[in-house]
């Protein structure tokens, strides 16, 4: 990760400037977000904290929030910036842990953390499973209600089509979650077939609706996701 030291003024944020795609790492940008494969454990920890509040968990239903369920732990984490790895953690004893590099492994879902371009704060996260093309994401509390969900899901479609070579990207949502439905629709997702019921990680079974985004151009692979080798 390269950190920008350039300033447009005293309030201008230091923004992470990841390099190009390579070795299962991806970088892309929307109008107001920079998205990249996590570089440090801080990237992962803060983005998980950003979706661990009760409002988000109403829809996400993670199976084990651990210490993230404690607002006294979660909320200070969400205040951190990518540049704070190993510098200003809420608990000094974990500074070295947060600064450790993140290495994406084969078979894992692709993860992109999102950073706001206006203030350098973590905005949220998207995940995409290359095998199924299924995606999901969430926003930090400070990033909700600003239309950033549309950009988040647009980025997920771009990751699938222009980086992973997927013709179609799918997403599910609970009918009562109108914010997700609207964000997906505005990002170009259209209704698709899918199971009418879905079990969340915490065991709650919900009604489900499904949408898909089809690539308008032939899908392609970036340097971070080369095409699978074919038999001679």
C-alpha atoms as a PDB file:
ATOM      1  CA  UNK A   1       0.000   0.000   0.000  1.00  0.00           C
ATOM      2  CA  UNK A   2       1.285   3.441  -0.898  1.00  0.00           C
ATOM      3  CA  UNK A   3       0.009   6.365   1.146  1.00  0.00           C
ATOM      4  CA  UNK A   4      -0.621   9.727  -0.469  1.00  0.00           C
ATOM      5  CA  UNK A   5       1.039  12.604   1.387  1.00  0.00           C
ATOM      6  CA  UNK A   6      -0.363  15.187  -1.013  1.00  0.00           C
ATOM      7  CA  UNK A   7      -2.724  17.716   0.537  1.00  0.00           C
ATOM      8  CA  UNK A   8      -5.288  19.981  -1.044  1.00  0.00           C
ATOM      9  CA  UNK A   9      -5.702  21.719   2.302  1.00  0.00           C
ATOM     10  CA  UNK A  10      -5.445  21.052   5.997  1.00  0.00           C
ATOM     11  CA  UNK A  11      -8.647  18.977   6.021  1.00  0.00           C
ATOM     12  CA  UNK A  12      -7.754  16.825   2.982  1.00  0.00           C
ATOM     13  CA  UNK A  13      -7.542  13.121   3.868  1.00  0.00           C
ATOM     14  CA  UNK A  14      -4.615  10.800   3.288  1.00  0.00           C
ATOM     15  CA  UNK A  15      -6.021   8.214   0.893  1.00  0.00           C
ATOM     16  CA  UNK A  16      -4.684   4.710   0.265  1.00  0.00           C
ATOM     17  CA  UNK A  17      -3.352   4.295  -3.241  1.00  0.00           C
ATOM     18  CA  UNK A  18      -3.144   0.557  -3.933  1.00  0.00           C
ATOM     19  CA  UNK A  19      -1.266  -0.588  -6.990  1.00  0.00           C
ATOM     20  CA  UNK A  20      -2.814  -2.342  -9.971  1.00  0.00           C
ATOM     21  CA  UNK A  21      -4.480  -5.728  -9.851  1.00  0.00           C
ATOM     22  CA  UNK A  22      -2.278  -8.771  -9.322  1.00  0.00           C
ATOM     23  CA  UNK A  23      -1.940 -11.965  -7.242  1.00  0.00           C
ATOM     24  CA  UNK A  24      -5.630 -12.137  -6.263  1.00  0.00           C
ATOM     25  CA  UNK A  25      -5.647  -8.433  -5.444  1.00  0.00           C
ATOM     26  CA  UNK A  26      -7.988  -5.979  -7.092  1.00  0.00           C
ATOM     27  CA  UNK A  27      -8.459  -2.230  -7.115  1.00  0.00           C
ATOM     28  CA  UNK A  28     -11.304  -0.193  -8.563  1.00  0.00           C
ATOM     29  CA  UNK A  29     -13.035   3.120  -8.053  1.00  0.00           C
ATOM     30  CA  UNK A  30     -16.500   4.640  -8.265  1.00  0.00           C
ATOM     31  CA  UNK A  31     -17.535   8.287  -8.090  1.00  0.00           C
ATOM     32  CA  UNK A  32     -17.116   8.525  -4.313  1.00  0.00           C
ATOM     33  CA  UNK A  33     -15.423   5.290  -3.269  1.00  0.00           C
ATOM     34  CA  UNK A  34     -12.035   3.637  -3.585  1.00  0.00           C
ATOM     35  CA  UNK A  35     -12.267  -0.157  -3.292  1.00  0.00           C
ATOM     36  CA  UNK A  36      -9.372  -2.565  -2.895  1.00  0.00           C
ATOM     37  CA  UNK A  37      -8.444  -6.013  -1.630  1.00  0.00           C
ATOM     38  CA  UNK A  38      -7.533  -5.691   2.072  1.00  0.00           C
ATOM     39  CA  UNK A  39      -3.892  -4.882   2.668  1.00  0.00           C
ATOM     40  CA  UNK A  40      -3.810  -5.251   6.474  1.00  0.00           C
ATOM     41  CA  UNK A  41      -5.826  -6.949   9.195  1.00  0.00           C
ATOM     42  CA  UNK A  42      -7.068  -3.470  10.124  1.00  0.00           C
ATOM     43  CA  UNK A  43      -8.895  -3.327   6.796  1.00  0.00           C
ATOM     44  CA  UNK A  44     -10.792  -6.490   7.693  1.00  0.00           C
ATOM     45  CA  UNK A  45     -11.419  -5.692  11.358  1.00  0.00           C
ATOM     46  CA  UNK A  46     -12.816  -2.212  10.750  1.00  0.00           C
ATOM     47  CA  UNK A  47     -14.995  -3.312   7.853  1.00  0.00           C
ATOM     48  CA  UNK A  48     -16.450  -6.104   9.968  1.00  0.00           C
ATOM     49  CA  UNK A  49     -17.068  -3.601  12.751  1.00  0.00           C
ATOM     50  CA  UNK A  50     -18.827  -1.358  10.227  1.00  0.00           C
ATOM     51  CA  UNK A  51     -21.478  -4.030   9.686  1.00  0.00           C
ATOM     52  CA  UNK A  52     -21.768  -5.318  13.256  1.00  0.00           C
ATOM     53  CA  UNK A  53     -24.188  -2.741  14.657  1.00  0.00           C
ATOM     54  CA  UNK A  54     -27.793  -3.813  15.379  1.00  0.00           C
ATOM     55  CA  UNK A  55     -29.252  -1.945  12.389  1.00  0.00           C
ATOM     56  CA  UNK A  56     -27.015  -3.798   9.932  1.00  0.00           C
ATOM     57  CA  UNK A  57     -27.298  -7.132  11.721  1.00  0.00           C
ATOM     58  CA  UNK A  58     -31.073  -7.032  11.339  1.00  0.00           C
ATOM     59  CA  UNK A  59     -30.387  -7.890   7.687  1.00  0.00           C
ATOM     60  CA  UNK A  60     -26.946  -9.522   7.717  1.00  0.00           C
ATOM     61  CA  UNK A  61     -27.479 -12.026  10.542  1.00  0.00           C
ATOM     62  CA  UNK A  62     -23.864 -13.034  11.178  1.00  0.00           C
ATOM     63  CA  UNK A  63     -23.429 -16.112  13.345  1.00  0.00           C
ATOM     64  CA  UNK A  64     -20.804 -14.800  15.793  1.00  0.00           C
ATOM     65  CA  UNK A  65     -20.217 -11.114  16.387  1.00  0.00           C
ATOM     66  CA  UNK A  66     -17.805 -11.723  19.274  1.00  0.00           C
ATOM     67  CA  UNK A  67     -16.508  -8.510  20.813  1.00  0.00           C
ATOM     68  CA  UNK A  68     -18.011  -6.562  17.901  1.00  0.00           C
ATOM     69  CA  UNK A  69     -21.380  -6.802  19.640  1.00  0.00           C
ATOM     70  CA  UNK A  70     -19.994  -4.434  22.277  1.00  0.00           C
ATOM     71  CA  UNK A  71     -20.531  -0.849  21.116  1.00  0.00           C
ATOM     72  CA  UNK A  72     -17.574   0.197  23.282  1.00  0.00           C
ATOM     73  CA  UNK A  73     -15.307  -1.892  21.034  1.00  0.00           C
ATOM     74  CA  UNK A  74     -17.136  -1.547  17.730  1.00  0.00           C
ATOM     75  CA  UNK A  75     -17.606   2.205  17.571  1.00  0.00           C
ATOM     76  CA  UNK A  76     -13.947   3.208  18.205  1.00  0.00           C
ATOM     77  CA  UNK A  77     -12.869   0.764  15.495  1.00  0.00           C
ATOM     78  CA  UNK A  78     -15.179   2.347  12.930  1.00  0.00           C
ATOM     79  CA  UNK A  79     -13.482   5.703  13.591  1.00  0.00           C
ATOM     80  CA  UNK A  80     -10.095   4.393  12.437  1.00  0.00           C
ATOM     81  CA  UNK A  81      -8.630   5.165   9.019  1.00  0.00           C
ATOM     82  CA  UNK A  82      -6.573   2.801   6.826  1.00  0.00           C
ATOM     83  CA  UNK A  83      -3.471   4.827   7.719  1.00  0.00           C
ATOM     84  CA  UNK A  84      -3.955   3.980  11.413  1.00  0.00           C
ATOM     85  CA  UNK A  85      -2.703   0.377  11.145  1.00  0.00           C
ATOM     86  CA  UNK A  86      -0.162  -0.022  13.924  1.00  0.00           C
ATOM     87  CA  UNK A  87      -0.463   3.636  14.870  1.00  0.00           C
ATOM     88  CA  UNK A  88      -3.684   4.463  16.707  1.00  0.00           C
ATOM     89  CA  UNK A  89      -5.692   1.352  17.613  1.00  0.00           C
ATOM     90  CA  UNK A  90      -8.366   1.551  20.338  1.00  0.00           C
ATOM     91  CA  UNK A  91      -6.572  -1.211  22.269  1.00  0.00           C
ATOM     92  CA  UNK A  92      -2.750  -0.769  22.221  1.00  0.00           C
ATOM     93  CA  UNK A  93      -2.133  -4.482  22.769  1.00  0.00           C
ATOM     94  CA  UNK A  94      -3.548  -5.310  19.323  1.00  0.00           C
ATOM     95  CA  UNK A  95      -1.576  -2.725  17.329  1.00  0.00           C
ATOM     96  CA  UNK A  96       0.790  -5.303  15.841  1.00  0.00           C
ATOM     97  CA  UNK A  97      -2.103  -7.603  14.959  1.00  0.00           C
ATOM     98  CA  UNK A  98      -3.935  -4.866  13.065  1.00  0.00           C
ATOM     99  CA  UNK A  99      -0.784  -3.964  11.136  1.00  0.00           C
ATOM    100  CA  UNK A 100      -0.211  -7.523   9.894  1.00  0.00           C
ATOM    101  CA  UNK A 101      -0.517  -7.971   6.129  1.00  0.00           C
ATOM    102  CA  UNK A 102      -3.594  -9.665   4.721  1.00  0.00           C
ATOM    103  CA  UNK A 103      -2.942 -12.383   2.165  1.00  0.00           C
ATOM    104  CA  UNK A 104      -5.924 -13.506   0.058  1.00  0.00           C
ATOM    105  CA  UNK A 105      -6.046 -17.270  -0.190  1.00  0.00           C
ATOM    106  CA  UNK A 106      -7.211 -19.524  -3.024  1.00  0.00           C
ATOM    107  CA  UNK A 107     -10.840 -20.555  -2.799  1.00  0.00           C
ATOM    108  CA  UNK A 108     -11.838 -17.603  -0.615  1.00  0.00           C
ATOM    109  CA  UNK A 109     -14.522 -15.139  -1.601  1.00  0.00           C
ATOM    110  CA  UNK A 110     -13.110 -11.951  -3.056  1.00  0.00           C
ATOM    111  CA  UNK A 111     -13.314  -9.081  -0.566  1.00  0.00           C
ATOM    112  CA  UNK A 112     -13.046  -5.398  -1.362  1.00  0.00           C
ATOM    113  CA  UNK A 113     -13.009  -2.774   1.368  1.00  0.00           C
ATOM    114  CA  UNK A 114     -14.449   0.604   0.442  1.00  0.00           C
ATOM    115  CA  UNK A 115     -12.958   3.934   1.510  1.00  0.00           C
ATOM    116  CA  UNK A 116     -14.664   7.288   1.111  1.00  0.00           C
ATOM    117  CA  UNK A 117     -12.768   9.622  -1.187  1.00  0.00           C
ATOM    118  CA  UNK A 118     -13.991  12.732   0.616  1.00  0.00           C
ATOM    119  CA  UNK A 119     -12.655  11.973   4.105  1.00  0.00           C
ATOM    120  CA  UNK A 120     -10.618   8.751   3.852  1.00  0.00           C
ATOM    121  CA  UNK A 121     -12.879   6.787   6.214  1.00  0.00           C
ATOM    122  CA  UNK A 122     -13.843   3.153   5.722  1.00  0.00           C
ATOM    123  CA  UNK A 123     -17.272   3.171   4.066  1.00  0.00           C
ATOM    124  CA  UNK A 124     -18.055  -0.544   3.927  1.00  0.00           C
ATOM    125  CA  UNK A 125     -17.259  -3.794   2.190  1.00  0.00           C
ATOM    126  CA  UNK A 126     -18.352  -6.108  -0.618  1.00  0.00           C
ATOM    127  CA  UNK A 127     -17.804  -9.848  -0.979  1.00  0.00           C
ATOM    128  CA  UNK A 128     -18.133 -11.888  -4.160  1.00  0.00           C
ATOM    129  CA  UNK A 129     -17.933 -15.665  -4.506  1.00  0.00           C
ATOM    130  CA  UNK A 130     -16.236 -16.452  -7.844  1.00  0.00           C
ATOM    131  CA  UNK A 131     -17.818 -19.906  -8.076  1.00  0.00           C
ATOM    132  CA  UNK A 132     -21.434 -18.744  -7.865  1.00  0.00           C
ATOM    133  CA  UNK A 133     -21.131 -15.064  -8.736  1.00  0.00           C
ATOM    134  CA  UNK A 134     -23.095 -14.251  -5.593  1.00  0.00           C
ATOM    135  CA  UNK A 135     -22.328 -10.938  -3.923  1.00  0.00           C
ATOM    136  CA  UNK A 136     -23.249  -9.095  -0.756  1.00  0.00           C
ATOM    137  CA  UNK A 137     -22.146  -5.980   1.050  1.00  0.00           C
ATOM    138  CA  UNK A 138     -22.754  -3.469   3.801  1.00  0.00           C
ATOM    139  CA  UNK A 139     -22.063   0.143   4.701  1.00  0.00           C
ATOM    140  CA  UNK A 140     -20.726   1.748   7.860  1.00  0.00           C
ATOM    141  CA  UNK A 141     -23.286   3.799   9.817  1.00  0.00           C
ATOM    142  CA  UNK A 142     -21.780   7.106   8.672  1.00  0.00           C
ATOM    143  CA  UNK A 143     -22.017   6.028   5.015  1.00  0.00           C
ATOM    144  CA  UNK A 144     -25.706   5.057   4.980  1.00  0.00           C
ATOM    145  CA  UNK A 145     -28.436   7.155   3.445  1.00  0.00           C
ATOM    146  CA  UNK A 146     -26.069   8.837   0.977  1.00  0.00           C
ATOM    147  CA  UNK A 147     -26.627   6.653  -2.077  1.00  0.00           C
ATOM    148  CA  UNK A 148     -23.300   4.859  -1.580  1.00  0.00           C
ATOM    149  CA  UNK A 149     -25.023   1.460  -1.604  1.00  0.00           C
ATOM    150  CA  UNK A 150     -25.637   1.892  -5.316  1.00  0.00           C
ATOM    151  CA  UNK A 151     -21.934   2.532  -5.872  1.00  0.00           C
ATOM    152  CA  UNK A 152     -21.040  -0.436  -3.692  1.00  0.00           C
ATOM    153  CA  UNK A 153     -23.141  -2.856  -5.746  1.00  0.00           C
ATOM    154  CA  UNK A 154     -22.041  -1.264  -8.996  1.00  0.00           C
ATOM    155  CA  UNK A 155     -18.491  -1.997  -7.902  1.00  0.00           C
ATOM    156  CA  UNK A 156     -19.449  -5.608  -7.158  1.00  0.00           C
ATOM    157  CA  UNK A 157     -20.763  -5.993 -10.697  1.00  0.00           C
ATOM    158  CA  UNK A 158     -17.619  -4.394 -12.111  1.00  0.00           C
ATOM    159  CA  UNK A 159     -15.450  -6.736 -10.041  1.00  0.00           C
ATOM    160  CA  UNK A 160     -17.308  -9.745 -11.385  1.00  0.00           C
ATOM    161  CA  UNK A 161     -17.471  -8.716 -15.038  1.00  0.00           C
ATOM    162  CA  UNK A 162     -14.190  -6.868 -15.640  1.00  0.00           C
ATOM    163  CA  UNK A 163     -11.897  -8.546 -13.109  1.00  0.00           C
ATOM    164  CA  UNK A 164     -13.136 -12.108 -12.511  1.00  0.00           C
ATOM    165  CA  UNK A 165     -14.548 -12.911 -15.942  1.00  0.00           C
ATOM    166  CA  UNK A 166     -18.120 -13.518 -14.752  1.00  0.00           C
ATOM    167  CA  UNK A 167     -20.983 -12.989 -17.165  1.00  0.00           C
ATOM    168  CA  UNK A 168     -23.526 -12.692 -14.339  1.00  0.00           C
ATOM    169  CA  UNK A 169     -23.414 -11.458 -10.737  1.00  0.00           C
ATOM    170  CA  UNK A 170     -26.265 -12.307  -8.330  1.00  0.00           C
ATOM    171  CA  UNK A 171     -27.491 -10.795  -5.085  1.00  0.00           C
ATOM    172  CA  UNK A 172     -30.289 -11.645  -2.683  1.00  0.00           C
ATOM    173  CA  UNK A 173     -32.197  -9.416  -0.281  1.00  0.00           C
ATOM    174  CA  UNK A 174     -35.016  -9.610   2.216  1.00  0.00           C
ATOM    175  CA  UNK A 175     -38.181  -7.954   0.821  1.00  0.00           C
ATOM    176  CA  UNK A 176     -38.478  -5.685   3.861  1.00  0.00           C
ATOM    177  CA  UNK A 177     -34.972  -4.352   3.193  1.00  0.00           C
ATOM    178  CA  UNK A 178     -36.052  -1.674   0.740  1.00  0.00           C
ATOM    179  CA  UNK A 179     -32.699   0.137   0.957  1.00  0.00           C
ATOM    180  CA  UNK A 180     -30.872  -2.896  -0.467  1.00  0.00           C
ATOM    181  CA  UNK A 181     -33.523  -3.422  -3.124  1.00  0.00           C
ATOM    182  CA  UNK A 182     -33.272   0.175  -4.283  1.00  0.00           C
ATOM    183  CA  UNK A 183     -29.467   0.203  -4.242  1.00  0.00           C
ATOM    184  CA  UNK A 184     -29.288  -2.994  -6.296  1.00  0.00           C
ATOM    185  CA  UNK A 185     -31.888  -1.798  -8.786  1.00  0.00           C
ATOM    186  CA  UNK A 186     -30.121   1.536  -9.260  1.00  0.00           C
ATOM    187  CA  UNK A 187     -26.861  -0.354  -9.797  1.00  0.00           C
ATOM    188  CA  UNK A 188     -28.444  -2.180 -12.744  1.00  0.00           C
ATOM    189  CA  UNK A 189     -29.509  -5.449 -11.122  1.00  0.00           C
ATOM    190  CA  UNK A 190     -32.775  -6.940 -12.435  1.00  0.00           C
ATOM    191  CA  UNK A 191     -35.123  -9.629 -11.012  1.00  0.00           C
ATOM    192  CA  UNK A 192     -33.903 -13.222 -11.282  1.00  0.00           C
ATOM    193  CA  UNK A 193     -34.963 -16.681 -10.181  1.00  0.00           C
ATOM    194  CA  UNK A 194     -33.770 -17.939  -6.821  1.00  0.00           C
ATOM    195  CA  UNK A 195     -34.843 -19.837  -3.707  1.00  0.00           C
ATOM    196  CA  UNK A 196     -37.742 -18.044  -1.958  1.00  0.00           C
ATOM    197  CA  UNK A 197     -36.325 -18.761   1.483  1.00  0.00           C
ATOM    198  CA  UNK A 198     -32.800 -18.244   2.790  1.00  0.00           C
ATOM    199  CA  UNK A 199     -31.085 -19.155   6.051  1.00  0.00           C
ATOM    200  CA  UNK A 200     -28.747 -16.528   7.499  1.00  0.00           C
ATOM    201  CA  UNK A 201     -25.564 -17.541   9.310  1.00  0.00           C
ATOM    202  CA  UNK A 202     -27.233 -16.993  12.690  1.00  0.00           C
ATOM    203  CA  UNK A 203     -29.951 -19.483  11.768  1.00  0.00           C
ATOM    204  CA  UNK A 204     -32.762 -17.043  11.031  1.00  0.00           C
ATOM    205  CA  UNK A 205     -34.772 -18.056   7.961  1.00  0.00           C
ATOM    206  CA  UNK A 206     -35.995 -15.171   5.826  1.00  0.00           C
ATOM    207  CA  UNK A 207     -38.039 -14.582   2.702  1.00  0.00           C
ATOM    208  CA  UNK A 208     -35.676 -13.844  -0.155  1.00  0.00           C
ATOM    209  CA  UNK A 209     -35.759 -12.082  -3.496  1.00  0.00           C
ATOM    210  CA  UNK A 210     -32.984 -12.325  -6.068  1.00  0.00           C
ATOM    211  CA  UNK A 211     -31.497  -9.980  -8.633  1.00  0.00           C
ATOM    212  CA  UNK A 212     -28.745 -10.356 -11.198  1.00  0.00           C
ATOM    213  CA  UNK A 213     -26.458  -8.102 -13.188  1.00  0.00           C
ATOM    214  CA  UNK A 214     -25.399  -9.300 -16.644  1.00  0.00           C
ATOM    215  CA  UNK A 215     -22.272  -7.946 -18.278  1.00  0.00           C
ATOM    216  CA  UNK A 216     -23.114  -5.610 -21.196  1.00  0.00           C
ATOM    217  CA  UNK A 217     -19.798  -6.516 -22.838  1.00  0.00           C
ATOM    218  CA  UNK A 218     -17.786  -9.748 -23.002  1.00  0.00           C
ATOM    219  CA  UNK A 219     -16.476 -10.400 -19.466  1.00  0.00           C
ATOM    220  CA  UNK A 220     -12.746 -10.300 -18.944  1.00  0.00           C
ATOM    221  CA  UNK A 221     -10.037 -11.225 -16.453  1.00  0.00           C
ATOM    222  CA  UNK A 222      -7.637  -8.731 -14.916  1.00  0.00           C
ATOM    223  CA  UNK A 223      -4.060  -9.504 -13.858  1.00  0.00           C
ATOM    224  CA  UNK A 224      -5.324 -10.394 -10.379  1.00  0.00           C
ATOM    225  CA  UNK A 225      -7.556 -13.167 -11.703  1.00  0.00           C
ATOM    226  CA  UNK A 226      -6.101 -14.926 -14.752  1.00  0.00           C
ATOM    227  CA  UNK A 227      -8.386 -17.269 -16.714  1.00  0.00           C
ATOM    228  CA  UNK A 228      -8.383 -20.890 -15.616  1.00  0.00           C
ATOM    229  CA  UNK A 229      -5.898 -23.000 -17.522  1.00  0.00           C
ATOM    230  CA  UNK A 230      -7.420 -25.246 -20.179  1.00  0.00           C
ATOM    231  CA  UNK A 231      -6.308 -28.745 -20.969  1.00  0.00           C
ATOM    232  CA  UNK A 232      -4.182 -29.089 -24.110  1.00  0.00           C
END
